[in-house]
Amino acid sequence: MASDDSKNEPTLSDVVDILHVVSDRVETMGSRLDAVDEVLHTMNDRLDAVDERLGGIERRVADVENSLGDVQETLDAVAHAVDKDSVTLIEHGRRIVKLEQV
């Protein structure tokens, strides 16, 4: 039985061969991880650029909202003035009609 066990056990050469295969696979995985790391850095840079552009857009939208508020205030004032002028014209029209009747 002792001779059967020695035939099944790996030799030092077998172990060294397996270690070389494992080492090659680890190197391959390291290369792939480096490539993934590079892609992630590129994506991070792109996201930073998008964040910067989005910040600019948000500032512009805020400026537009402020401008719209100013325009709304102006339009409200103009509408009030037009309404007031309309009432005045109607009253003058009534007075003119009464004067013409006399």
N, C-alpha and C. Protein backbone atom coordinates (compact mmCIF):
# COMPACT_ATOMS: atom_id res chain seq x y z
N MET A 1 0.79 -1.19 0.00
CA MET A 1 0.00 0.00 0.00
C MET A 1 0.84 1.27 0.00
N ALA A 2 1.95 1.21 0.59
CA ALA A 2 2.80 2.39 0.66
C ALA A 2 3.21 2.82 -0.73
N SER A 3 3.43 1.88 -1.62
CA SER A 3 3.85 2.23 -2.97
C SER A 3 2.71 2.88 -3.76
N ASP A 4 1.44 2.51 -3.48
CA ASP A 4 0.28 3.13 -4.15
C ASP A 4 0.13 4.58 -3.74
N ASP A 5 0.34 4.88 -2.47
CA ASP A 5 0.21 6.25 -1.98
C ASP A 5 1.27 7.16 -2.59
N SER A 6 2.45 6.64 -2.77
CA SER A 6 3.53 7.46 -3.33
C SER A 6 3.29 7.77 -4.80
N LYS A 7 2.56 6.91 -5.49
CA LYS A 7 2.25 7.16 -6.90
C LYS A 7 1.19 8.26 -7.04
N ASN A 8 0.28 8.40 -6.07
CA ASN A 8 -0.79 9.39 -6.13
C ASN A 8 -0.34 10.77 -5.66
N GLU A 9 0.69 10.84 -4.89
CA GLU A 9 1.14 12.12 -4.38
C GLU A 9 1.90 12.88 -5.47
N PRO A 10 1.67 14.23 -5.53
CA PRO A 10 2.37 15.01 -6.55
C PRO A 10 3.85 15.15 -6.21
N THR A 11 4.62 15.21 -7.23
CA THR A 11 6.05 15.38 -7.04
C THR A 11 6.35 16.86 -6.87
N LEU A 12 7.56 17.17 -6.49
CA LEU A 12 7.98 18.56 -6.34
C LEU A 12 7.88 19.28 -7.68
N SER A 13 8.18 18.59 -8.74
CA SER A 13 8.08 19.16 -10.08
C SER A 13 6.63 19.50 -10.42
N ASP A 14 5.70 18.60 -10.03
CA ASP A 14 4.27 18.87 -10.26
C ASP A 14 3.82 20.11 -9.50
N VAL A 15 4.27 20.24 -8.27
CA VAL A 15 3.90 21.39 -7.44
C VAL A 15 4.45 22.67 -8.06
N VAL A 16 5.71 22.62 -8.52
CA VAL A 16 6.32 23.79 -9.14
C VAL A 16 5.57 24.17 -10.42
N ASP A 17 5.18 23.19 -11.21
CA ASP A 17 4.41 23.45 -12.43
C ASP A 17 3.08 24.12 -12.10
N ILE A 18 2.40 23.62 -11.09
CA ILE A 18 1.12 24.20 -10.68
C ILE A 18 1.32 25.64 -10.19
N LEU A 19 2.39 25.88 -9.46
CA LEU A 19 2.68 27.23 -8.98
C LEU A 19 2.96 28.18 -10.14
N HIS A 20 3.62 27.70 -11.19
CA HIS A 20 3.84 28.53 -12.38
C HIS A 20 2.51 28.87 -13.06
N VAL A 21 1.63 27.89 -13.16
CA VAL A 21 0.32 28.12 -13.78
C VAL A 21 -0.46 29.14 -12.96
N VAL A 22 -0.45 28.97 -11.64
CA VAL A 22 -1.16 29.90 -10.76
C VAL A 22 -0.55 31.30 -10.88
N SER A 23 0.78 31.35 -10.93
CA SER A 23 1.46 32.64 -11.05
C SER A 23 1.07 33.33 -12.36
N ASP A 24 1.01 32.59 -13.46
CA ASP A 24 0.61 33.15 -14.75
C ASP A 24 -0.83 33.68 -14.69
N ARG A 25 -1.69 32.93 -14.03
CA ARG A 25 -3.09 33.35 -13.92
C ARG A 25 -3.21 34.61 -13.06
N VAL A 26 -2.43 34.68 -12.01
CA VAL A 26 -2.45 35.86 -11.16
C VAL A 26 -1.96 37.08 -11.94
N GLU A 27 -0.91 36.90 -12.75
CA GLU A 27 -0.42 38.01 -13.57
C GLU A 27 -1.49 38.48 -14.56
N THR A 28 -2.17 37.50 -15.17
CA THR A 28 -3.24 37.82 -16.11
C THR A 28 -4.35 38.60 -15.41
N MET A 29 -4.73 38.14 -14.22
CA MET A 29 -5.77 38.83 -13.45
C MET A 29 -5.30 40.23 -13.07
N GLY A 30 -4.03 40.38 -12.74
CA GLY A 30 -3.49 41.70 -12.41
C GLY A 30 -3.57 42.64 -13.60
N SER A 31 -3.25 42.12 -14.78
CA SER A 31 -3.35 42.94 -16.01
C SER A 31 -4.79 43.36 -16.26
N ARG A 32 -5.71 42.42 -16.07
CA ARG A 32 -7.12 42.74 -16.27
C ARG A 32 -7.60 43.76 -15.25
N LEU A 33 -7.16 43.61 -14.02
CA LEU A 33 -7.55 44.58 -12.99
C LEU A 33 -6.98 45.96 -13.29
N ASP A 34 -5.77 46.01 -13.84
CA ASP A 34 -5.20 47.29 -14.24
C ASP A 34 -6.05 47.94 -15.32
N ALA A 35 -6.52 47.14 -16.28
CA ALA A 35 -7.37 47.67 -17.35
C ALA A 35 -8.69 48.17 -16.78
N VAL A 36 -9.27 47.41 -15.86
CA VAL A 36 -10.53 47.82 -15.23
C VAL A 36 -10.31 49.10 -14.44
N ASP A 37 -9.19 49.19 -13.73
CA ASP A 37 -8.87 50.38 -12.97
C ASP A 37 -8.76 51.60 -13.88
N GLU A 38 -8.14 51.43 -15.03
CA GLU A 38 -8.00 52.54 -15.99
C GLU A 38 -9.36 52.98 -16.50
N VAL A 39 -10.23 52.01 -16.80
CA VAL A 39 -11.58 52.34 -17.27
C VAL A 39 -12.35 53.08 -16.17
N LEU A 40 -12.21 52.65 -14.93
CA LEU A 40 -12.90 53.31 -13.83
C LEU A 40 -12.40 54.74 -13.64
N HIS A 41 -11.11 54.95 -13.79
CA HIS A 41 -10.57 56.31 -13.69
C HIS A 41 -11.11 57.19 -14.81
N THR A 42 -11.19 56.64 -16.02
CA THR A 42 -11.74 57.39 -17.15
C THR A 42 -13.20 57.75 -16.89
N MET A 43 -13.96 56.79 -16.39
CA MET A 43 -15.37 57.05 -16.09
C MET A 43 -15.50 58.11 -14.99
N ASN A 44 -14.63 58.05 -14.01
CA ASN A 44 -14.65 59.03 -12.93
C ASN A 44 -14.36 60.43 -13.48
N ASP A 45 -13.38 60.53 -14.38
CA ASP A 45 -13.06 61.82 -14.99
C ASP A 45 -14.25 62.35 -15.78
N ARG A 46 -14.90 61.47 -16.51
CA ARG A 46 -16.06 61.89 -17.30
C ARG A 46 -17.20 62.34 -16.39
N LEU A 47 -17.42 61.62 -15.30
CA LEU A 47 -18.47 62.02 -14.36
C LEU A 47 -18.15 63.37 -13.72
N ASP A 48 -16.88 63.61 -13.44
CA ASP A 48 -16.49 64.91 -12.90
C ASP A 48 -16.82 66.02 -13.91
N ALA A 49 -16.54 65.76 -15.18
CA ALA A 49 -16.85 66.74 -16.22
C ALA A 49 -18.36 66.97 -16.32
N VAL A 50 -19.13 65.90 -16.22
CA VAL A 50 -20.59 66.02 -16.26
C VAL A 50 -21.08 66.83 -15.06
N ASP A 51 -20.50 66.57 -13.88
CA ASP A 51 -20.87 67.33 -12.69
C ASP A 51 -20.59 68.81 -12.87
N GLU A 52 -19.46 69.15 -13.46
CA GLU A 52 -19.13 70.55 -13.70
C GLU A 52 -20.14 71.19 -14.64
N ARG A 53 -20.45 70.49 -15.74
CA ARG A 53 -21.42 71.04 -16.69
C ARG A 53 -22.80 71.16 -16.05
N LEU A 54 -23.17 70.18 -15.24
CA LEU A 54 -24.47 70.23 -14.58
C LEU A 54 -24.54 71.40 -13.61
N GLY A 55 -23.43 71.68 -12.93
CA GLY A 55 -23.39 72.84 -12.04
C GLY A 55 -23.61 74.13 -12.82
N GLY A 56 -22.98 74.23 -13.99
CA GLY A 56 -23.18 75.40 -14.84
C GLY A 56 -24.62 75.53 -15.30
N ILE A 57 -25.21 74.42 -15.66
CA ILE A 57 -26.61 74.43 -16.10
C ILE A 57 -27.53 74.84 -14.96
N GLU A 58 -27.25 74.32 -13.76
CA GLU A 58 -28.07 74.69 -12.60
C GLU A 58 -27.98 76.19 -12.32
N ARG A 59 -26.78 76.75 -12.46
CA ARG A 59 -26.63 78.20 -12.26
C ARG A 59 -27.42 78.97 -13.30
N ARG A 60 -27.35 78.51 -14.55
CA ARG A 60 -28.10 79.20 -15.61
C ARG A 60 -29.60 79.11 -15.38
N VAL A 61 -30.07 77.96 -14.95
CA VAL A 61 -31.51 77.79 -14.68
C VAL A 61 -31.93 78.72 -13.55
N ALA A 62 -31.10 78.83 -12.52
CA ALA A 62 -31.41 79.75 -11.41
C ALA A 62 -31.48 81.18 -11.93
N ASP A 63 -30.56 81.56 -12.80
CA ASP A 63 -30.58 82.91 -13.37
C ASP A 63 -31.85 83.14 -14.19
N VAL A 64 -32.24 82.13 -14.98
CA VAL A 64 -33.45 82.24 -15.79
C VAL A 64 -34.68 82.36 -14.88
N GLU A 65 -34.71 81.57 -13.80
CA GLU A 65 -35.84 81.66 -12.87
C GLU A 65 -35.93 83.05 -12.25
N ASN A 66 -34.78 83.61 -11.87
CA ASN A 66 -34.78 84.97 -11.32
C ASN A 66 -35.27 85.97 -12.35
N SER A 67 -34.81 85.82 -13.59
CA SER A 67 -35.24 86.73 -14.66
C SER A 67 -36.74 86.59 -14.91
N LEU A 68 -37.24 85.36 -14.87
CA LEU A 68 -38.68 85.16 -15.07
C LEU A 68 -39.48 85.82 -13.96
N GLY A 69 -38.94 85.76 -12.74
CA GLY A 69 -39.62 86.45 -11.63
C GLY A 69 -39.68 87.94 -11.87
N ASP A 70 -38.58 88.51 -12.36
CA ASP A 70 -38.55 89.94 -12.67
C ASP A 70 -39.54 90.28 -13.78
N VAL A 71 -39.57 89.44 -14.82
CA VAL A 71 -40.49 89.66 -15.94
C VAL A 71 -41.94 89.57 -15.44
N GLN A 72 -42.21 88.60 -14.56
CA GLN A 72 -43.57 88.45 -14.03
C GLN A 72 -43.99 89.68 -13.24
N GLU A 73 -43.07 90.22 -12.42
CA GLU A 73 -43.37 91.43 -11.66
C GLU A 73 -43.68 92.60 -12.60
N THR A 74 -42.87 92.72 -13.65
CA THR A 74 -43.08 93.80 -14.62
C THR A 74 -44.42 93.64 -15.33
N LEU A 75 -44.71 92.41 -15.75
CA LEU A 75 -46.00 92.16 -16.42
C LEU A 75 -47.18 92.43 -15.51
N ASP A 76 -47.05 92.06 -14.25
CA ASP A 76 -48.13 92.34 -13.30
C ASP A 76 -48.35 93.85 -13.17
N ALA A 77 -47.24 94.61 -13.08
CA ALA A 77 -47.35 96.07 -12.97
C ALA A 77 -47.98 96.66 -14.23
N VAL A 78 -47.57 96.17 -15.39
CA VAL A 78 -48.13 96.66 -16.65
C VAL A 78 -49.62 96.31 -16.73
N ALA A 79 -49.96 95.09 -16.36
CA ALA A 79 -51.37 94.68 -16.40
C ALA A 79 -52.20 95.55 -15.47
N HIS A 80 -51.68 95.84 -14.29
CA HIS A 80 -52.39 96.71 -13.35
C HIS A 80 -52.58 98.11 -13.94
N ALA A 81 -51.53 98.64 -14.55
CA ALA A 81 -51.61 99.97 -15.17
C ALA A 81 -52.61 99.97 -16.32
N VAL A 82 -52.61 98.93 -17.13
CA VAL A 82 -53.56 98.84 -18.26
C VAL A 82 -54.98 98.76 -17.73
N ASP A 83 -55.18 97.97 -16.67
CA ASP A 83 -56.52 97.87 -16.09
C ASP A 83 -56.97 99.24 -15.57
N LYS A 84 -56.08 99.92 -14.90
CA LYS A 84 -56.40 101.24 -14.35
C LYS A 84 -56.71 102.23 -15.48
N ASP A 85 -55.89 102.17 -16.54
CA ASP A 85 -56.14 103.06 -17.70
C ASP A 85 -57.45 102.70 -18.38
N SER A 86 -57.77 101.43 -18.44
CA SER A 86 -59.04 101.01 -19.06
C SER A 86 -60.22 101.56 -18.27
N VAL A 87 -60.15 101.47 -16.95
CA VAL A 87 -61.22 102.01 -16.12
C VAL A 87 -61.36 103.51 -16.33
N THR A 88 -60.21 104.18 -16.40
CA THR A 88 -60.23 105.63 -16.62
C THR A 88 -60.85 105.96 -17.98
N LEU A 89 -60.51 105.22 -19.02
CA LEU A 89 -61.08 105.46 -20.36
C LEU A 89 -62.58 105.21 -20.37
N ILE A 90 -63.00 104.18 -19.70
CA ILE A 90 -64.44 103.89 -19.65
C ILE A 90 -65.18 105.01 -18.93
N GLU A 91 -64.61 105.48 -17.82
CA GLU A 91 -65.25 106.58 -17.08
C GLU A 91 -65.28 107.85 -17.92
N HIS A 92 -64.20 108.15 -18.62
CA HIS A 92 -64.19 109.32 -19.50
C HIS A 92 -65.21 109.17 -20.61
N GLY A 93 -65.31 107.95 -21.12
CA GLY A 93 -66.31 107.70 -22.17
C GLY A 93 -67.71 107.98 -21.68
N ARG A 94 -68.03 107.58 -20.46
CA ARG A 94 -69.36 107.82 -19.90
C ARG A 94 -69.60 109.34 -19.73
N ARG A 95 -68.57 110.03 -19.27
CA ARG A 95 -68.70 111.48 -19.09
C ARG A 95 -68.95 112.17 -20.44
N ILE A 96 -68.23 111.73 -21.44
CA ILE A 96 -68.38 112.33 -22.77
C ILE A 96 -69.79 112.09 -23.30
N VAL A 97 -70.29 110.86 -23.10
CA VAL A 97 -71.65 110.54 -23.55
C VAL A 97 -72.65 111.44 -22.84
N LYS A 98 -72.49 111.63 -21.53
CA LYS A 98 -73.40 112.50 -20.77
C LYS A 98 -73.30 113.95 -21.25
N LEU A 99 -72.08 114.39 -21.51
CA LEU A 99 -71.90 115.77 -22.00
C LEU A 99 -72.53 115.94 -23.38
N GLU A 100 -72.43 114.94 -24.23
CA GLU A 100 -73.00 115.03 -25.56
C GLU A 100 -74.53 115.04 -25.49
N GLN A 101 -75.09 114.40 -24.49
CA GLN A 101 -76.54 114.34 -24.35
C GLN A 101 -77.11 115.68 -23.87
N VAL A 102 -76.30 116.47 -23.22
CA VAL A 102 -76.78 117.75 -22.68
C VAL A 102 -76.86 118.76 -23.75
